[in-house]
Amino acid sequence: MVDWKSSAELLKDADAFSKIIHLLLGVYIWEWINTVNFEYAIITGKQRFRWPLIFYFYGRYAMFGGLIGFVIALDETTTRMNCNVLYTFLQFLGNTALGTASINLSIRTIAIYSQKLHVVVPLSVIILGHWIIILWSVTNVSAIWVDGSGCAITSSNPKLFVAMYVYSMGFDFIIMCLMAYKLGFVKRNQHRSQIVQLMFVDGLGYFLTAFLVNLVAVVFSVLNLNSIMSIIADAPASTLATIVSCRVVRRLYQFQQKGADIYSHNTSSALRSGRQNNVSAHRSANEVLVQMNTFVRSDASYEPPAQPKADEDTNTSTEDIKHRL
């Protein structure tokens, strides 16, 4: 039976934690090098800047700075520093990056629903609650300076981390359900545009990835084996969720920039399920069109049947979504 509280086990866990952080930083640097052309396109004006990208940039570089800070805190063993303040700041960067990952997905959901108040208001309240827990949890880890070893984690409150990750999982689930419900109205005859498929598949991919990594973090926090093991999965969860979230944002913006055919081959608007498209038939010059109108006269006046009203929520065009994102 492993004694998770023993000094020898804590040293082993600290070494494993350090290796995980170094690995995550390497993966993140590799991801950044392969995708920095997106930032270059924004800076040079080749890609149009839109306000939702504020959350993209913050989450991407907050996570980057947090990983670099963790590596410095783990590797520096000679210069004394205030480890408690440093870890609080690093927790702030990592946790808020996780928060912006969920915001990136919620923004496109709001755009799909044409910024309707009955969607915007509840999501805004959920986001507010999410960030209250995030900011509350930044002081959850305590650390001290140990001569010859550097910063060492002394305590953590796993309950706050459980609350944060469970809330994130529930939030992402709600967003995914709203998106799936909305996009499910798209052309019941299965004619879907490329952008609809992209948004749905990417959203589902983000949700599954974030759900799994957050679930692992929750399991370790609930087990609470020791102060290190209870948070050992937090950095991987935040890092992977941020990477996937940023990829989802980039794919959508780059798709719009390409100017690809965003409509399916026989529908003019992929998200207008409540409207029927007018079909124009091309007839040759020598074709004769005979049209017969039959009128029936009756004493009672005839009133044509009222046309059903299209649901405004399902009348969001692809161009509307592109302009809102």
Protein backbone atom coordinates (compact mmCIF):
# COMPACT_ATOMS: atom_id res chain seq x y z
CA MET A 1 0.00 0.00 0.00
CA VAL A 2 1.46 3.35 -1.07
CA ASP A 3 1.80 5.98 1.63
CA TRP A 4 0.89 9.06 -0.41
CA LYS A 5 1.70 11.40 2.49
CA SER A 6 5.28 10.21 3.00
CA SER A 7 8.21 12.46 2.17
CA ALA A 8 9.62 9.98 -0.35
CA GLU A 9 6.30 9.79 -2.20
CA LEU A 10 5.95 13.58 -2.20
CA LEU A 11 9.39 13.88 -3.79
CA LYS A 12 8.44 11.36 -6.48
CA ASP A 13 5.16 13.15 -7.15
CA ALA A 14 6.91 16.52 -7.31
CA ASP A 15 9.34 15.12 -9.88
CA ALA A 16 6.45 13.72 -11.93
CA PHE A 17 4.64 17.06 -11.72
CA SER A 18 7.76 18.87 -12.96
CA LYS A 19 8.16 16.50 -15.91
CA ILE A 20 4.49 16.92 -16.88
CA ILE A 21 4.81 20.72 -16.86
CA HIS A 22 7.95 20.58 -19.03
CA LEU A 23 6.21 18.22 -21.44
CA LEU A 24 3.17 20.49 -21.66
CA LEU A 25 5.35 23.52 -22.34
CA GLY A 26 7.10 21.65 -25.15
CA VAL A 27 3.77 20.63 -26.68
CA TYR A 28 2.45 24.17 -26.36
CA ILE A 29 5.53 25.69 -27.98
CA TRP A 30 5.23 23.20 -30.84
CA GLU A 31 1.56 24.11 -31.24
CA TRP A 32 2.38 27.83 -31.15
CA ILE A 33 5.14 27.57 -33.78
CA ASN A 34 2.84 25.69 -36.14
CA THR A 35 -0.04 28.14 -35.75
CA VAL A 36 1.62 31.54 -35.21
CA ASN A 37 0.86 32.41 -38.84
CA PHE A 38 -2.70 33.17 -37.70
CA GLU A 39 -1.45 35.93 -35.38
CA TYR A 40 0.83 37.18 -38.16
CA ALA A 41 -2.14 37.42 -40.52
CA ILE A 42 -4.06 39.45 -37.91
CA ILE A 43 -1.15 41.82 -37.29
CA THR A 44 -0.45 42.39 -40.98
CA GLY A 45 -4.13 42.91 -41.78
CA LYS A 46 -4.48 39.83 -43.98
CA GLN A 47 -7.00 38.46 -41.51
CA ARG A 48 -9.69 40.78 -40.20
CA PHE A 49 -9.69 41.35 -36.46
CA ARG A 50 -13.01 40.87 -34.72
CA TRP A 51 -13.77 41.45 -31.05
CA PRO A 52 -14.29 37.74 -30.13
CA LEU A 53 -10.59 37.26 -30.88
CA ILE A 54 -9.84 39.15 -27.65
CA PHE A 55 -10.74 36.01 -25.70
CA TYR A 56 -8.76 33.87 -28.15
CA PHE A 57 -5.57 35.91 -27.68
CA TYR A 58 -5.94 36.17 -23.93
CA GLY A 59 -6.53 32.46 -23.42
CA ARG A 60 -3.75 31.45 -25.80
CA TYR A 61 -1.06 33.65 -24.26
CA ALA A 62 -2.24 33.41 -20.65
CA MET A 63 -1.75 29.65 -20.89
CA PHE A 64 1.62 30.18 -22.55
CA GLY A 65 2.75 32.53 -19.79
CA GLY A 66 1.43 30.22 -17.10
CA LEU A 67 3.41 27.24 -18.39
CA ILE A 68 6.59 29.30 -18.68
CA GLY A 69 6.07 30.57 -15.15
CA PHE A 70 5.56 27.05 -13.81
CA VAL A 71 8.79 25.88 -15.44
CA ILE A 72 10.68 28.81 -13.91
CA ALA A 73 9.17 28.11 -10.50
CA LEU A 74 10.12 24.44 -10.71
CA ASP A 75 13.62 24.88 -12.14
CA GLU A 76 14.85 27.88 -10.16
CA THR A 77 16.58 26.65 -7.00
CA THR A 78 19.08 29.41 -6.21
CA THR A 79 17.22 32.74 -6.26
CA ARG A 80 14.77 33.02 -3.39
CA MET A 81 11.28 34.10 -4.44
CA ASN A 82 7.82 34.51 -2.97
CA CYS A 83 6.45 31.16 -4.07
CA ASN A 84 2.96 31.74 -2.70
CA VAL A 85 2.45 34.90 -4.75
CA LEU A 86 4.01 33.28 -7.81
CA TYR A 87 1.75 30.23 -7.65
CA THR A 88 -1.30 32.43 -7.10
CA PHE A 89 -0.45 34.36 -10.27
CA LEU A 90 0.18 31.16 -12.22
CA GLN A 91 -3.13 29.71 -11.03
CA PHE A 92 -4.82 32.90 -12.20
CA LEU A 93 -3.34 32.55 -15.69
CA GLY A 94 -4.17 28.86 -16.03
CA ASN A 95 -7.69 29.03 -14.61
CA THR A 96 -8.70 32.10 -16.61
CA ALA A 97 -7.36 30.46 -19.77
CA LEU A 98 -9.72 27.57 -19.04
CA GLY A 99 -12.54 30.09 -18.62
CA THR A 100 -11.89 31.76 -21.97
CA ALA A 101 -11.91 28.34 -23.65
CA SER A 102 -15.57 27.97 -22.67
CA ILE A 103 -16.29 31.57 -23.67
CA ASN A 104 -14.93 30.93 -27.17
CA LEU A 105 -17.51 28.19 -27.65
CA SER A 106 -20.34 30.19 -26.08
CA ILE A 107 -19.72 33.17 -28.40
CA ARG A 108 -20.39 31.11 -31.52
CA THR A 109 -23.47 29.62 -29.88
CA ILE A 110 -24.79 33.12 -29.20
CA ALA A 111 -24.07 34.04 -32.83
CA ILE A 112 -25.98 31.00 -34.08
CA TYR A 113 -29.00 32.12 -32.07
CA SER A 114 -28.81 35.64 -33.59
CA GLN A 115 -27.91 37.11 -30.19
CA LYS A 116 -31.40 36.49 -28.85
CA LEU A 117 -31.83 37.67 -25.27
CA HIS A 118 -33.33 34.38 -24.13
CA VAL A 119 -29.97 32.79 -24.98
CA VAL A 120 -27.58 35.66 -24.22
CA VAL A 121 -28.88 36.38 -20.71
CA PRO A 122 -28.77 32.80 -19.33
CA LEU A 123 -25.35 32.17 -20.86
CA SER A 124 -24.05 35.45 -19.43
CA VAL A 125 -25.25 34.44 -15.97
CA ILE A 126 -23.58 31.03 -16.33
CA ILE A 127 -20.34 32.68 -17.49
CA LEU A 128 -20.44 35.03 -14.51
CA GLY A 129 -20.84 32.11 -12.11
CA HIS A 130 -18.02 30.27 -13.86
CA TRP A 131 -15.64 33.17 -13.44
CA ILE A 132 -16.57 33.68 -9.79
CA ILE A 133 -15.43 30.11 -9.10
CA ILE A 134 -12.33 30.59 -11.27
CA LEU A 135 -11.23 33.73 -9.43
CA TRP A 136 -12.05 32.15 -6.09
CA SER A 137 -9.83 29.17 -6.84
CA VAL A 138 -6.68 31.13 -7.76
CA THR A 139 -5.63 31.25 -4.09
CA ASN A 140 -6.29 27.56 -3.66
CA VAL A 141 -2.65 26.46 -3.78
CA SER A 142 -0.08 27.35 -1.13
CA ALA A 143 3.67 27.08 -1.72
CA ILE A 144 6.85 27.91 0.15
CA TRP A 145 10.51 28.32 -0.73
CA VAL A 146 12.76 25.41 0.19
CA ASP A 147 16.51 26.09 0.10
CA GLY A 148 18.18 23.93 -2.49
CA SER A 149 14.88 22.73 -3.94
CA GLY A 150 13.02 25.87 -4.94
CA CYS A 151 9.26 26.27 -4.65
CA ALA A 152 7.33 23.43 -3.08
CA ILE A 153 3.55 23.03 -2.89
CA THR A 154 2.44 22.65 0.72
CA SER A 155 -1.36 22.52 0.54
CA SER A 156 -4.35 22.80 -1.77
CA ASN A 157 -8.12 22.70 -1.40
CA PRO A 158 -9.38 20.06 -3.85
CA LYS A 159 -13.03 20.98 -3.30
CA LEU A 160 -12.61 24.27 -5.15
CA PHE A 161 -10.94 22.53 -8.07
CA VAL A 162 -13.72 19.96 -8.19
CA ALA A 163 -16.30 22.76 -8.25
CA MET A 164 -14.44 24.61 -11.02
CA TYR A 165 -14.00 21.61 -13.30
CA VAL A 166 -17.48 20.19 -12.74
CA TYR A 167 -18.92 23.64 -13.48
CA SER A 168 -16.80 23.83 -16.64
CA MET A 169 -18.04 20.41 -17.76
CA GLY A 170 -21.66 21.37 -17.15
CA PHE A 171 -21.20 24.71 -18.89
CA ASP A 172 -19.66 23.10 -21.97
CA PHE A 173 -22.44 20.51 -22.02
CA ILE A 174 -25.13 23.22 -22.01
CA ILE A 175 -23.39 25.11 -24.81
CA MET A 176 -23.03 21.95 -26.88
CA CYS A 177 -26.69 21.04 -26.41
CA LEU A 178 -27.79 24.52 -27.49
CA MET A 179 -25.57 24.35 -30.57
CA ALA A 180 -26.73 20.84 -31.49
CA TYR A 181 -30.39 21.83 -31.05
CA LYS A 182 -29.99 24.89 -33.25
CA LEU A 183 -28.00 23.22 -36.00
CA GLY A 184 -30.39 20.28 -35.90
CA PHE A 185 -32.99 22.50 -37.58
CA VAL A 186 -30.77 22.94 -40.61
CA LYS A 187 -32.52 21.53 -43.64
CA ARG A 188 -34.35 18.48 -42.53
CA ASN A 189 -33.64 16.94 -45.92
CA GLN A 190 -29.99 16.74 -44.81
CA HIS A 191 -28.69 19.51 -47.04
CA ARG A 192 -26.06 21.12 -44.86
CA SER A 193 -23.48 23.76 -45.66
CA GLN A 194 -19.78 23.36 -45.04
CA ILE A 195 -19.75 25.99 -42.30
CA VAL A 196 -22.55 24.25 -40.39
CA GLN A 197 -20.69 20.96 -40.51
CA LEU A 198 -17.48 22.70 -39.43
CA MET A 199 -19.11 24.42 -36.47
CA PHE A 200 -20.90 21.30 -35.28
CA VAL A 201 -17.96 18.90 -35.66
CA ASP A 202 -15.47 21.34 -34.10
CA GLY A 203 -17.84 22.13 -31.25
CA LEU A 204 -18.39 18.44 -30.57
CA GLY A 205 -14.65 17.78 -30.73
CA TYR A 206 -13.92 20.54 -28.23
CA PHE A 207 -16.65 19.36 -25.87
CA LEU A 208 -15.45 15.74 -25.84
CA THR A 209 -11.81 16.74 -25.33
CA ALA A 210 -12.57 19.27 -22.59
CA PHE A 211 -14.99 16.88 -20.88
CA LEU A 212 -12.46 14.04 -20.74
CA VAL A 213 -9.50 16.10 -19.50
CA ASN A 214 -11.66 17.90 -16.94
CA LEU A 215 -13.02 14.56 -15.77
CA VAL A 216 -9.49 13.32 -15.12
CA ALA A 217 -8.73 16.48 -13.14
CA VAL A 218 -11.91 15.98 -11.10
CA VAL A 219 -10.97 12.37 -10.29
CA PHE A 220 -7.53 13.35 -8.97
CA SER A 221 -9.01 16.22 -6.96
CA VAL A 222 -11.65 13.97 -5.40
CA LEU A 223 -9.08 11.30 -4.52
CA ASN A 224 -6.93 13.98 -2.82
CA LEU A 225 -4.01 11.62 -2.36
CA ASN A 226 -1.71 14.48 -1.37
CA SER A 227 -1.16 18.18 -2.08
CA ILE A 228 0.63 17.46 -5.37
CA MET A 229 -1.46 14.61 -6.75
CA SER A 230 -4.68 16.54 -6.18
CA ILE A 231 -3.58 19.15 -8.75
CA ILE A 232 -1.33 17.08 -11.01
CA ALA A 233 -3.99 16.84 -13.74
CA ASP A 234 -5.03 20.51 -13.59
CA ALA A 235 -2.33 21.84 -15.90
CA PRO A 236 -2.94 19.16 -18.59
CA ALA A 237 -6.68 19.85 -18.44
CA SER A 238 -6.31 23.61 -18.87
CA THR A 239 -3.60 23.27 -21.52
CA LEU A 240 -5.42 20.77 -23.73
CA ALA A 241 -8.73 22.62 -23.42
CA THR A 242 -7.00 25.87 -24.44
CA ILE A 243 -5.25 24.26 -27.41
CA VAL A 244 -8.46 22.69 -28.74
CA SER A 245 -10.47 25.87 -28.14
CA CYS A 246 -7.93 27.99 -30.03
CA ARG A 247 -7.90 25.49 -32.90
CA VAL A 248 -11.69 25.70 -33.14
CA VAL A 249 -11.53 29.51 -33.34
CA ARG A 250 -8.77 29.51 -35.96
CA ARG A 251 -10.47 26.93 -38.17
CA LEU A 252 -13.67 28.97 -38.33
CA TYR A 253 -11.90 32.26 -39.11
CA GLN A 254 -9.61 30.69 -41.69
CA PHE A 255 -12.59 28.98 -43.30
CA GLN A 256 -14.30 32.35 -43.69
CA GLN A 257 -11.11 33.92 -45.06
CA LYS A 258 -10.80 31.31 -47.82
CA GLY A 259 -14.09 32.43 -49.31
CA ALA A 260 -15.11 28.85 -49.88
CA ASP A 261 -18.57 27.86 -50.94
CA ILE A 262 -20.37 27.98 -47.63
CA TYR A 263 -23.64 26.78 -49.11
CA SER A 264 -24.57 23.29 -50.01
CA HIS A 265 -24.99 22.46 -53.68
CA ASN A 266 -28.73 23.03 -53.81
CA THR A 267 -29.63 25.37 -50.99
CA SER A 268 -29.05 29.07 -50.77
CA SER A 269 -28.89 29.37 -47.02
CA ALA A 270 -27.77 26.55 -44.77
CA LEU A 271 -29.35 27.78 -41.59
CA ARG A 272 -32.77 28.89 -42.80
CA SER A 273 -34.84 25.86 -41.95
CA GLY A 274 -38.00 27.90 -41.51
CA ARG A 275 -37.95 29.26 -45.04
CA GLN A 276 -38.38 27.47 -48.32
CA ASN A 277 -36.12 28.40 -51.19
CA ASN A 278 -37.59 29.46 -54.48
CA VAL A 279 -36.68 27.03 -57.24
CA SER A 280 -36.14 28.53 -60.66
CA ALA A 281 -36.36 26.18 -63.60
CA HIS A 282 -34.32 26.88 -66.71
CA ARG A 283 -36.34 26.31 -69.83
CA SER A 284 -35.10 26.32 -73.39
CA ALA A 285 -36.21 28.97 -75.87
CA ASN A 286 -38.38 26.62 -77.92
CA GLU A 287 -40.27 25.27 -74.91
CA VAL A 288 -43.88 26.37 -74.57
CA LEU A 289 -45.22 26.88 -71.08
CA VAL A 290 -48.97 26.48 -70.76
CA GLN A 291 -50.45 27.73 -67.53
CA MET A 292 -54.10 27.24 -66.67
CA ASN A 293 -55.73 29.10 -63.84
CA THR A 294 -59.08 27.74 -62.67
CA PHE A 295 -61.33 30.04 -60.69
CA VAL A 296 -64.29 28.86 -58.68
CA ARG A 297 -66.83 31.48 -57.79
CA SER A 298 -68.83 31.05 -54.64
CA ASP A 299 -71.03 33.24 -52.56
CA ALA A 300 -68.69 33.10 -49.61
CA SER A 301 -65.47 34.99 -49.97
CA TYR A 302 -62.39 32.84 -50.08
CA GLU A 303 -59.52 33.48 -47.75
CA PRO A 304 -56.21 31.76 -48.46
CA PRO A 305 -54.83 29.73 -45.60
CA ALA A 306 -52.44 31.61 -43.40
CA GLN A 307 -48.83 30.76 -44.01
CA PRO A 308 -47.05 29.40 -40.95
CA LYS A 309 -44.63 31.78 -39.38
CA ALA A 310 -41.06 30.77 -39.53
CA ASP A 311 -39.35 30.51 -36.24
CA GLU A 312 -37.05 33.49 -35.94
CA ASP A 313 -34.56 31.45 -34.01
CA THR A 314 -34.04 29.13 -37.00
CA ASN A 315 -33.74 31.91 -39.58
CA THR A 316 -30.11 32.69 -39.00
CA SER A 317 -28.24 32.82 -42.26
CA THR A 318 -24.66 31.79 -42.74
CA GLU A 319 -23.69 35.33 -43.64
CA ASP A 320 -25.25 36.58 -40.39
CA ILE A 321 -23.14 34.14 -38.41
CA LYS A 322 -20.01 35.13 -40.26
CA HIS A 323 -20.55 38.80 -39.43
CA ARG A 324 -21.22 38.10 -35.76
CA LEU A 325 -18.13 35.96 -35.20
